[in-house]
Each structure stands twice: as structure tokens, then as C-alpha cells.
Amino acid sequence: MSAPALVPSNIRNESIAGITYHIQGELVPTLMVEIPPNNSIYFEHHVLLWKSPKLNVRLKRMKGAMKRMFAGLPILLTGTTGSGHVALSRDGAGQICPVHLNKGQAIHVREHQFLAATQNISYSFSMVRGFSNLFFGASGFFVDHFSAPDTPGVVWLHGYGNMFEINLKQGEQIDVEPSAWVYKDPGVKLETKIQGLTASLLGATNTRFMFNRFTGPGRLGIQSMSVYMPARN
């Protein structure tokens, strides 16, 4: 199995789904999108940095709003109307990673990592429950689902620290610290493993080591900086 590879941090003049985008900045990067007439993107409303005066924004309500509100997740997204430039940035050191989806492709994204997407990308979410996911909070954690049902599109994600990607072959596995994964292809299986550790120095000491095991085939995105979100009851 090859090692995860660093995702490019600076991208210029990349075009997809009728828009052109640029990613620049090393510490707190910025996504800049050129939006032509009759096209749009949507994003979390608090990530807008600047925009063209002729480019307007509108609110877009998300399904399952009450469930997301109690989980501390965004319940409204912001979409654009008109044409012009818009720049987005998250208040955190890290890297912006574009995930291009061909027609019929989908991606699963860990909660709090979504930045923006083109208008043709469909969105839904699910909650992962069970004892094996208590690390994320008493009720489990949310996974955002993005797909391109009709035409190619792109989802932009924010990772803390640096972003790496590995493309796992059928049956290949990698163990990842639970807060370090950012996205995965739907075909990549996620399991939580718990390993007991025992030390005899100064008496017996028992502790547990927890990690996520991912099994291919498919892409897996990893961030180098662990960020722990508040636990949900």
C-alpha cells in the first residue's frame, strides 16, 4: 500500500461545472470562485470573506434542520445568485481540498469539514450511532453525503493542518486517529477499533487506544491536525 500523498495547497484556474476557482494561501487559505450568469454555489454562511457587489446571496434551508441544530451543526446554507467573484475562508489554520465528482459519484464527509459546493451537487446526511462511536459523543456523529446525480461538480472541504489523500485498493486497510479523517468514498468501509494497553511500570496500568480502520476500495482524505468537537448528549 502506498502512503497518503499531500494534497496541492495552491490551485489556479481550475474549471468544472461551468465555474472557475482558485485556492491560495498557506496558513489560512482562501477559495476564490468565478461564477458566470445562470450558475451558483452554496456554502456555510459564516465563511464568506468577500464578493462582487453584483453577486447576491440567499439562504438555503437544509433538511433535518432541528436535528442538526441540537447537534450544533449549521441548519442554513448560503447560496449565490447573479454573477461575479466570491471568496470563502474558514477561521482556522489548514488547507482547502477540492473533491471533484463525476456524474453518479458521491462522497461522505465528516461533520464540520464542509466549505462549499457547486449548485448541481446534492446534499443529505446521516448519523453514525453505536457503542463503537462513543468517542465522538454520546449520540454518535454526523456524516454529510454529497453526490453528483446528473452532471460533474465539486465539493470544497476544509481540513485542519495539512491534507493528505490515499486511494485504497480492494481490501487494503489503513488505521487513522478518529478525528483525523475528513472524507471517504462511499465504498470505503469505516470501523472503530479499541485496543487495550497495559504497562507494569509502578504497578499495573490499563488504558485504551482507539482508532478508525478504513478498508478499500476508494479515496480517503486525512488531516494532520486533530480537532475535537464538543460531545453531544
C-alpha atoms as a PDB file:
ATOM      1  CA  MET A   1       0.000   0.000   0.000  1.00  0.00           C
ATOM      2  CA  SER A   2       1.327   3.444  -0.907  1.00  0.00           C
ATOM      3  CA  ALA A   3       1.500   6.193   1.721  1.00  0.00           C
ATOM      4  CA  PRO A   4      -1.066   9.050   1.743  1.00  0.00           C
ATOM      5  CA  ALA A   5       0.024  11.901  -0.550  1.00  0.00           C
ATOM      6  CA  LEU A   6      -0.101  15.613   0.255  1.00  0.00           C
ATOM      7  CA  VAL A   7      -2.974  17.431  -1.484  1.00  0.00           C
ATOM      8  CA  PRO A   8      -1.872  20.523  -3.506  1.00  0.00           C
ATOM      9  CA  SER A   9      -2.337  23.679  -1.437  1.00  0.00           C
ATOM     10  CA  ASN A  10      -2.342  26.226  -4.276  1.00  0.00           C
ATOM     11  CA  ILE A  11      -4.593  25.806  -7.322  1.00  0.00           C
ATOM     12  CA  ARG A  12      -5.236  28.362 -10.051  1.00  0.00           C
ATOM     13  CA  ASN A  13      -7.681  28.477 -12.969  1.00  0.00           C
ATOM     14  CA  GLU A  14      -9.345  25.124 -12.301  1.00  0.00           C
ATOM     15  CA  SER A  15     -12.669  24.824 -14.166  1.00  0.00           C
ATOM     16  CA  ILE A  16     -15.569  22.430 -13.545  1.00  0.00           C
ATOM     17  CA  ALA A  17     -19.375  22.595 -13.704  1.00  0.00           C
ATOM     18  CA  GLY A  18     -19.214  25.923 -15.547  1.00  0.00           C
ATOM     19  CA  ILE A  19     -17.243  27.784 -12.846  1.00  0.00           C
ATOM     20  CA  THR A  20     -13.550  28.572 -12.372  1.00  0.00           C
ATOM     21  CA  TYR A  21     -11.890  28.515  -8.968  1.00  0.00           C
ATOM     22  CA  HIS A  22      -8.566  29.310  -7.297  1.00  0.00           C
ATOM     23  CA  ILE A  23      -7.172  28.202  -3.911  1.00  0.00           C
ATOM     24  CA  GLN A  24      -4.409  30.360  -2.443  1.00  0.00           C
ATOM     25  CA  GLY A  25      -2.769  30.879   0.934  1.00  0.00           C
ATOM     26  CA  GLU A  26      -0.540  28.697   3.101  1.00  0.00           C
ATOM     27  CA  LEU A  27      -1.731  29.320   6.681  1.00  0.00           C
ATOM     28  CA  VAL A  28      -5.416  30.259   6.404  1.00  0.00           C
ATOM     29  CA  PRO A  29      -6.201  29.579   2.713  1.00  0.00           C
ATOM     30  CA  THR A  30      -8.908  31.225   0.635  1.00  0.00           C
ATOM     31  CA  LEU A  31     -11.167  29.715  -2.026  1.00  0.00           C
ATOM     32  CA  MET A  32     -11.992  32.193  -4.792  1.00  0.00           C
ATOM     33  CA  VAL A  33     -14.744  31.264  -7.248  1.00  0.00           C
ATOM     34  CA  GLU A  34     -15.641  32.986 -10.528  1.00  0.00           C
ATOM     35  CA  ILE A  35     -19.378  32.467 -11.059  1.00  0.00           C
ATOM     36  CA  PRO A  36     -20.891  33.159 -14.507  1.00  0.00           C
ATOM     37  CA  PRO A  37     -24.576  34.028 -15.128  1.00  0.00           C
ATOM     38  CA  ASN A  38     -27.087  31.215 -14.561  1.00  0.00           C
ATOM     39  CA  ASN A  39     -24.741  29.360 -12.224  1.00  0.00           C
ATOM     40  CA  SER A  40     -24.208  29.331  -8.463  1.00  0.00           C
ATOM     41  CA  ILE A  41     -22.558  27.697  -5.475  1.00  0.00           C
ATOM     42  CA  TYR A  42     -23.708  27.131  -1.895  1.00  0.00           C
ATOM     43  CA  PHE A  43     -21.684  27.343   1.312  1.00  0.00           C
ATOM     44  CA  GLU A  44     -21.842  27.832   5.077  1.00  0.00           C
ATOM     45  CA  HIS A  45     -22.932  31.419   5.679  1.00  0.00           C
ATOM     46  CA  HIS A  46     -20.115  32.306   8.108  1.00  0.00           C
ATOM     47  CA  VAL A  47     -17.274  31.511   5.662  1.00  0.00           C
ATOM     48  CA  LEU A  48     -17.877  34.407   3.223  1.00  0.00           C
ATOM     49  CA  LEU A  49     -14.772  36.637   3.048  1.00  0.00           C
ATOM     50  CA  TRP A  50     -15.546  38.968   0.126  1.00  0.00           C
ATOM     51  CA  LYS A  51     -17.725  39.105  -3.003  1.00  0.00           C
ATOM     52  CA  SER A  52     -18.571  41.198  -6.067  1.00  0.00           C
ATOM     53  CA  PRO A  53     -21.337  43.750  -5.361  1.00  0.00           C
ATOM     54  CA  LYS A  54     -23.461  42.316  -8.194  1.00  0.00           C
ATOM     55  CA  LEU A  55     -23.267  38.806  -6.726  1.00  0.00           C
ATOM     56  CA  ASN A  56     -26.131  38.333  -4.266  1.00  0.00           C
ATOM     57  CA  VAL A  57     -26.600  35.706  -1.567  1.00  0.00           C
ATOM     58  CA  ARG A  58     -29.701  33.873  -0.386  1.00  0.00           C
ATOM     59  CA  LEU A  59     -30.473  31.454   2.408  1.00  0.00           C
ATOM     60  CA  LYS A  60     -30.976  27.786   1.663  1.00  0.00           C
ATOM     61  CA  ARG A  61     -32.699  25.704   4.334  1.00  0.00           C
ATOM     62  CA  MET A  62     -31.368  22.217   4.940  1.00  0.00           C
ATOM     63  CA  LYS A  63     -33.371  19.057   5.568  1.00  0.00           C
ATOM     64  CA  GLY A  64     -33.390  17.779   9.137  1.00  0.00           C
ATOM     65  CA  ALA A  65     -32.834  21.309  10.475  1.00  0.00           C
ATOM     66  CA  MET A  66     -33.974  20.594  14.056  1.00  0.00           C
ATOM     67  CA  LYS A  67     -31.780  17.508  14.377  1.00  0.00           C
ATOM     68  CA  ARG A  68     -28.762  19.454  13.115  1.00  0.00           C
ATOM     69  CA  MET A  69     -29.499  22.414  15.398  1.00  0.00           C
ATOM     70  CA  PHE A  70     -29.452  20.242  18.529  1.00  0.00           C
ATOM     71  CA  ALA A  71     -26.164  18.731  17.296  1.00  0.00           C
ATOM     72  CA  GLY A  72     -24.572  22.171  16.918  1.00  0.00           C
ATOM     73  CA  LEU A  73     -24.377  21.888  13.122  1.00  0.00           C
ATOM     74  CA  PRO A  74     -25.417  24.534  10.548  1.00  0.00           C
ATOM     75  CA  ILE A  75     -29.132  24.486   9.706  1.00  0.00           C
ATOM     76  CA  LEU A  76     -28.944  27.085   6.932  1.00  0.00           C
ATOM     77  CA  LEU A  77     -26.649  27.319   3.940  1.00  0.00           C
ATOM     78  CA  THR A  78     -25.969  30.378   1.806  1.00  0.00           C
ATOM     79  CA  GLY A  79     -26.353  30.249  -1.976  1.00  0.00           C
ATOM     80  CA  THR A  80     -25.376  32.777  -4.618  1.00  0.00           C
ATOM     81  CA  THR A  81     -27.471  34.470  -7.309  1.00  0.00           C
ATOM     82  CA  GLY A  82     -26.215  36.560 -10.195  1.00  0.00           C
ATOM     83  CA  SER A  83     -22.608  36.510 -11.384  1.00  0.00           C
ATOM     84  CA  GLY A  84     -19.239  37.666 -10.101  1.00  0.00           C
ATOM     85  CA  HIS A  85     -16.451  36.671  -7.742  1.00  0.00           C
ATOM     86  CA  VAL A  86     -16.778  35.278  -4.218  1.00  0.00           C
ATOM     87  CA  ALA A  87     -14.057  34.354  -1.721  1.00  0.00           C
ATOM     88  CA  LEU A  88     -14.536  31.902   1.143  1.00  0.00           C
ATOM     89  CA  SER A  89     -12.294  31.115   4.095  1.00  0.00           C
ATOM     90  CA  ARG A  90     -12.663  29.320   7.422  1.00  0.00           C
ATOM     91  CA  ASP A  91     -11.310  30.774  10.677  1.00  0.00           C
ATOM     92  CA  GLY A  92      -8.698  28.090  11.193  1.00  0.00           C
ATOM     93  CA  ALA A  93      -5.218  27.159  10.039  1.00  0.00           C
ATOM     94  CA  GLY A  94      -5.431  24.406   7.490  1.00  0.00           C
ATOM     95  CA  GLN A  95      -5.939  23.538   3.858  1.00  0.00           C
ATOM     96  CA  ILE A  96      -8.833  23.680   1.378  1.00  0.00           C
ATOM     97  CA  CYS A  97      -9.296  20.463  -0.560  1.00  0.00           C
ATOM     98  CA  PRO A  98     -11.435  20.236  -3.729  1.00  0.00           C
ATOM     99  CA  VAL A  99     -13.137  16.878  -4.327  1.00  0.00           C
ATOM    100  CA  HIS A 100     -14.295  16.550  -7.942  1.00  0.00           C
ATOM    101  CA  LEU A 101     -17.269  14.260  -8.529  1.00  0.00           C
ATOM    102  CA  ASN A 102     -18.146  12.788 -11.901  1.00  0.00           C
ATOM    103  CA  LYS A 103     -21.747  12.064 -12.848  1.00  0.00           C
ATOM    104  CA  GLY A 104     -23.082   9.398 -10.482  1.00  0.00           C
ATOM    105  CA  GLN A 105     -20.254   9.748  -7.933  1.00  0.00           C
ATOM    106  CA  ALA A 106     -20.699  10.581  -4.237  1.00  0.00           C
ATOM    107  CA  ILE A 107     -18.536  11.402  -1.229  1.00  0.00           C
ATOM    108  CA  HIS A 108     -19.010  11.033   2.545  1.00  0.00           C
ATOM    109  CA  VAL A 109     -17.680  13.942   4.630  1.00  0.00           C
ATOM    110  CA  ARG A 110     -17.027  14.129   8.375  1.00  0.00           C
ATOM    111  CA  GLU A 111     -19.122  16.755  10.164  1.00  0.00           C
ATOM    112  CA  HIS A 112     -17.780  20.346  10.364  1.00  0.00           C
ATOM    113  CA  GLN A 113     -15.487  19.888   7.318  1.00  0.00           C
ATOM    114  CA  PHE A 114     -17.779  21.157   4.508  1.00  0.00           C
ATOM    115  CA  LEU A 115     -16.941  24.534   2.975  1.00  0.00           C
ATOM    116  CA  ALA A 116     -18.850  24.876  -0.332  1.00  0.00           C
ATOM    117  CA  ALA A 117     -20.185  23.048  -3.391  1.00  0.00           C
ATOM    118  CA  THR A 118     -21.411  23.779  -6.910  1.00  0.00           C
ATOM    119  CA  GLN A 119     -25.165  24.101  -7.389  1.00  0.00           C
ATOM    120  CA  ASN A 120     -25.541  20.694  -9.091  1.00  0.00           C
ATOM    121  CA  ILE A 121     -24.232  18.805  -6.040  1.00  0.00           C
ATOM    122  CA  SER A 122     -26.975  17.148  -3.966  1.00  0.00           C
ATOM    123  CA  TYR A 123     -26.722  17.101  -0.176  1.00  0.00           C
ATOM    124  CA  SER A 124     -28.016  14.824   2.590  1.00  0.00           C
ATOM    125  CA  PHE A 125     -26.658  13.492   5.878  1.00  0.00           C
ATOM    126  CA  SER A 126     -26.823  10.571   8.265  1.00  0.00           C
ATOM    127  CA  MET A 127     -25.853   9.884  11.868  1.00  0.00           C
ATOM    128  CA  VAL A 128     -23.461   7.099  12.806  1.00  0.00           C
ATOM    129  CA  ARG A 129     -24.580   5.627  16.122  1.00  0.00           C
ATOM    130  CA  GLY A 130     -23.482   2.807  18.374  1.00  0.00           C
ATOM    131  CA  PHE A 131     -21.048   1.991  21.173  1.00  0.00           C
ATOM    132  CA  SER A 132     -18.078   1.980  18.824  1.00  0.00           C
ATOM    133  CA  ASN A 133     -18.656   5.675  18.070  1.00  0.00           C
ATOM    134  CA  LEU A 134     -18.986   6.974  21.628  1.00  0.00           C
ATOM    135  CA  PHE A 135     -15.618   8.682  21.101  1.00  0.00           C
ATOM    136  CA  PHE A 136     -17.428  11.319  19.044  1.00  0.00           C
ATOM    137  CA  GLY A 137     -20.117  11.984  21.643  1.00  0.00           C
ATOM    138  CA  ALA A 138     -22.852  10.065  23.446  1.00  0.00           C
ATOM    139  CA  SER A 139     -25.101  10.026  20.383  1.00  0.00           C
ATOM    140  CA  GLY A 140     -22.507   9.325  17.676  1.00  0.00           C
ATOM    141  CA  PHE A 141     -21.594  11.724  14.886  1.00  0.00           C
ATOM    142  CA  PHE A 142     -22.942  13.092  11.612  1.00  0.00           C
ATOM    143  CA  VAL A 143     -21.656  12.281   8.133  1.00  0.00           C
ATOM    144  CA  ASP A 144     -22.557  14.626   5.264  1.00  0.00           C
ATOM    145  CA  HIS A 145     -23.385  12.966   1.918  1.00  0.00           C
ATOM    146  CA  PHE A 146     -22.680  14.822  -1.329  1.00  0.00           C
ATOM    147  CA  SER A 147     -23.417  13.452  -4.798  1.00  0.00           C
ATOM    148  CA  ALA A 148     -23.443  14.491  -8.463  1.00  0.00           C
ATOM    149  CA  PRO A 149     -26.571  12.767  -9.799  1.00  0.00           C
ATOM    150  CA  ASP A 150     -26.746  14.401 -13.236  1.00  0.00           C
ATOM    151  CA  THR A 151     -23.549  16.321 -14.101  1.00  0.00           C
ATOM    152  CA  PRO A 152     -19.990  16.633 -12.723  1.00  0.00           C
ATOM    153  CA  GLY A 153     -19.412  19.018  -9.828  1.00  0.00           C
ATOM    154  CA  VAL A 154     -17.051  19.820  -6.975  1.00  0.00           C
ATOM    155  CA  VAL A 155     -17.229  19.876  -3.176  1.00  0.00           C
ATOM    156  CA  TRP A 156     -14.690  22.028  -1.335  1.00  0.00           C
ATOM    157  CA  LEU A 157     -13.667  20.868   2.132  1.00  0.00           C
ATOM    158  CA  HIS A 158     -11.554  22.433   4.872  1.00  0.00           C
ATOM    159  CA  GLY A 159      -9.005  20.288   6.668  1.00  0.00           C
ATOM    160  CA  TYR A 160      -7.037  21.392   9.725  1.00  0.00           C
ATOM    161  CA  GLY A 161      -3.269  21.325   9.347  1.00  0.00           C
ATOM    162  CA  ASN A 162      -2.295  19.667   6.071  1.00  0.00           C
ATOM    163  CA  MET A 163      -4.478  17.446   3.892  1.00  0.00           C
ATOM    164  CA  PHE A 164      -3.453  14.050   2.565  1.00  0.00           C
ATOM    165  CA  GLU A 165      -5.277  11.612   0.291  1.00  0.00           C
ATOM    166  CA  ILE A 166      -4.845   7.883  -0.225  1.00  0.00           C
ATOM    167  CA  ASN A 167      -6.618   5.738  -2.802  1.00  0.00           C
ATOM    168  CA  LEU A 168      -7.149   2.336  -1.202  1.00  0.00           C
ATOM    169  CA  LYS A 169      -7.334  -0.708  -3.432  1.00  0.00           C
ATOM    170  CA  GLN A 170      -9.845  -3.507  -2.852  1.00  0.00           C
ATOM    171  CA  GLY A 171      -9.192  -4.934   0.617  1.00  0.00           C
ATOM    172  CA  GLU A 172      -6.379  -2.502   1.506  1.00  0.00           C
ATOM    173  CA  GLN A 173      -6.631  -1.064   5.031  1.00  0.00           C
ATOM    174  CA  ILE A 174      -5.302   1.883   6.978  1.00  0.00           C
ATOM    175  CA  ASP A 175      -5.758   2.832  10.659  1.00  0.00           C
ATOM    176  CA  VAL A 176      -6.421   6.538  11.321  1.00  0.00           C
ATOM    177  CA  GLU A 177      -6.804   8.580  14.508  1.00  0.00           C
ATOM    178  CA  PRO A 178     -10.607   9.064  14.856  1.00  0.00           C
ATOM    179  CA  SER A 179     -10.628  12.863  14.464  1.00  0.00           C
ATOM    180  CA  ALA A 180      -8.136  12.885  11.570  1.00  0.00           C
ATOM    181  CA  TRP A 181     -10.241  11.601   8.659  1.00  0.00           C
ATOM    182  CA  VAL A 182     -12.096  14.176   6.547  1.00  0.00           C
ATOM    183  CA  TYR A 183     -13.799  12.364   3.644  1.00  0.00           C
ATOM    184  CA  LYS A 184     -14.149   8.965   2.059  1.00  0.00           C
ATOM    185  CA  ASP A 185     -15.714   7.358  -0.974  1.00  0.00           C
ATOM    186  CA  PRO A 186     -18.970   5.522  -0.096  1.00  0.00           C
ATOM    187  CA  GLY A 187     -17.285   2.191  -0.876  1.00  0.00           C
ATOM    188  CA  VAL A 188     -14.667   2.684   1.848  1.00  0.00           C
ATOM    189  CA  LYS A 189     -15.714   0.801   4.991  1.00  0.00           C
ATOM    190  CA  LEU A 190     -15.310   2.517   8.379  1.00  0.00           C
ATOM    191  CA  GLU A 191     -14.851   0.563  11.623  1.00  0.00           C
ATOM    192  CA  THR A 192     -13.808   1.739  15.083  1.00  0.00           C
ATOM    193  CA  LYS A 193     -11.203  -0.417  16.800  1.00  0.00           C
ATOM    194  CA  ILE A 194     -10.328  -0.335  20.508  1.00  0.00           C
ATOM    195  CA  GLN A 195      -7.026  -1.756  21.734  1.00  0.00           C
ATOM    196  CA  GLY A 196      -6.204  -2.246  25.402  1.00  0.00           C
ATOM    197  CA  LEU A 197      -2.755  -1.120  26.579  1.00  0.00           C
ATOM    198  CA  THR A 198      -1.125  -2.387  29.784  1.00  0.00           C
ATOM    199  CA  ALA A 199       2.024  -1.073  31.491  1.00  0.00           C
ATOM    200  CA  SER A 200       3.658  -2.653  34.553  1.00  0.00           C
ATOM    201  CA  LEU A 201       5.836   0.331  35.485  1.00  0.00           C
ATOM    202  CA  LEU A 202       4.912   1.480  39.012  1.00  0.00           C
ATOM    203  CA  GLY A 203       2.097  -1.031  39.090  1.00  0.00           C
ATOM    204  CA  ALA A 204      -0.403  -2.252  36.528  1.00  0.00           C
ATOM    205  CA  THR A 205      -1.926   0.456  34.355  1.00  0.00           C
ATOM    206  CA  ASN A 206      -4.674  -0.200  31.864  1.00  0.00           C
ATOM    207  CA  THR A 207      -5.723   2.234  29.175  1.00  0.00           C
ATOM    208  CA  ARG A 208      -7.363   2.085  25.769  1.00  0.00           C
ATOM    209  CA  PHE A 209      -6.154   3.156  22.339  1.00  0.00           C
ATOM    210  CA  MET A 210      -8.854   3.908  19.767  1.00  0.00           C
ATOM    211  CA  PHE A 211      -8.558   4.292  16.001  1.00  0.00           C
ATOM    212  CA  ASN A 212     -10.686   4.081  12.860  1.00  0.00           C
ATOM    213  CA  ARG A 213      -9.905   1.300  10.386  1.00  0.00           C
ATOM    214  CA  PHE A 214     -10.748   2.063   6.755  1.00  0.00           C
ATOM    215  CA  THR A 215     -10.992  -0.706   4.161  1.00  0.00           C
ATOM    216  CA  GLY A 216     -10.909  -0.043   0.397  1.00  0.00           C
ATOM    217  CA  PRO A 217     -11.674   0.364  -2.364  1.00  0.00           C
ATOM    218  CA  GLY A 218     -11.837   4.140  -2.660  1.00  0.00           C
ATOM    219  CA  ARG A 219     -10.405   7.517  -1.688  1.00  0.00           C
ATOM    220  CA  LEU A 220      -9.764   8.617   1.885  1.00  0.00           C
ATOM    221  CA  GLY A 221      -8.859  12.167   2.966  1.00  0.00           C
ATOM    222  CA  ILE A 222      -6.825  12.737   6.145  1.00  0.00           C
ATOM    223  CA  GLN A 223      -5.985  15.943   8.042  1.00  0.00           C
ATOM    224  CA  SER A 224      -2.774  16.281  10.057  1.00  0.00           C
ATOM    225  CA  MET A 225      -4.282  18.328  12.896  1.00  0.00           C
ATOM    226  CA  SER A 226      -6.786  16.691  15.229  1.00  0.00           C
ATOM    227  CA  VAL A 227      -9.787  18.845  16.161  1.00  0.00           C
ATOM    228  CA  TYR A 228     -12.236  17.567  18.760  1.00  0.00           C
ATOM    229  CA  MET A 229     -15.782  18.929  18.525  1.00  0.00           C
ATOM    230  CA  PRO A 230     -17.967  19.236  21.667  1.00  0.00           C
ATOM    231  CA  ALA A 231     -19.613  15.963  22.682  1.00  0.00           C
ATOM    232  CA  ARG A 232     -23.380  15.643  22.233  1.00  0.00           C
ATOM    233  CA  ASN A 233     -25.604  14.143  24.905  1.00  0.00           C
END
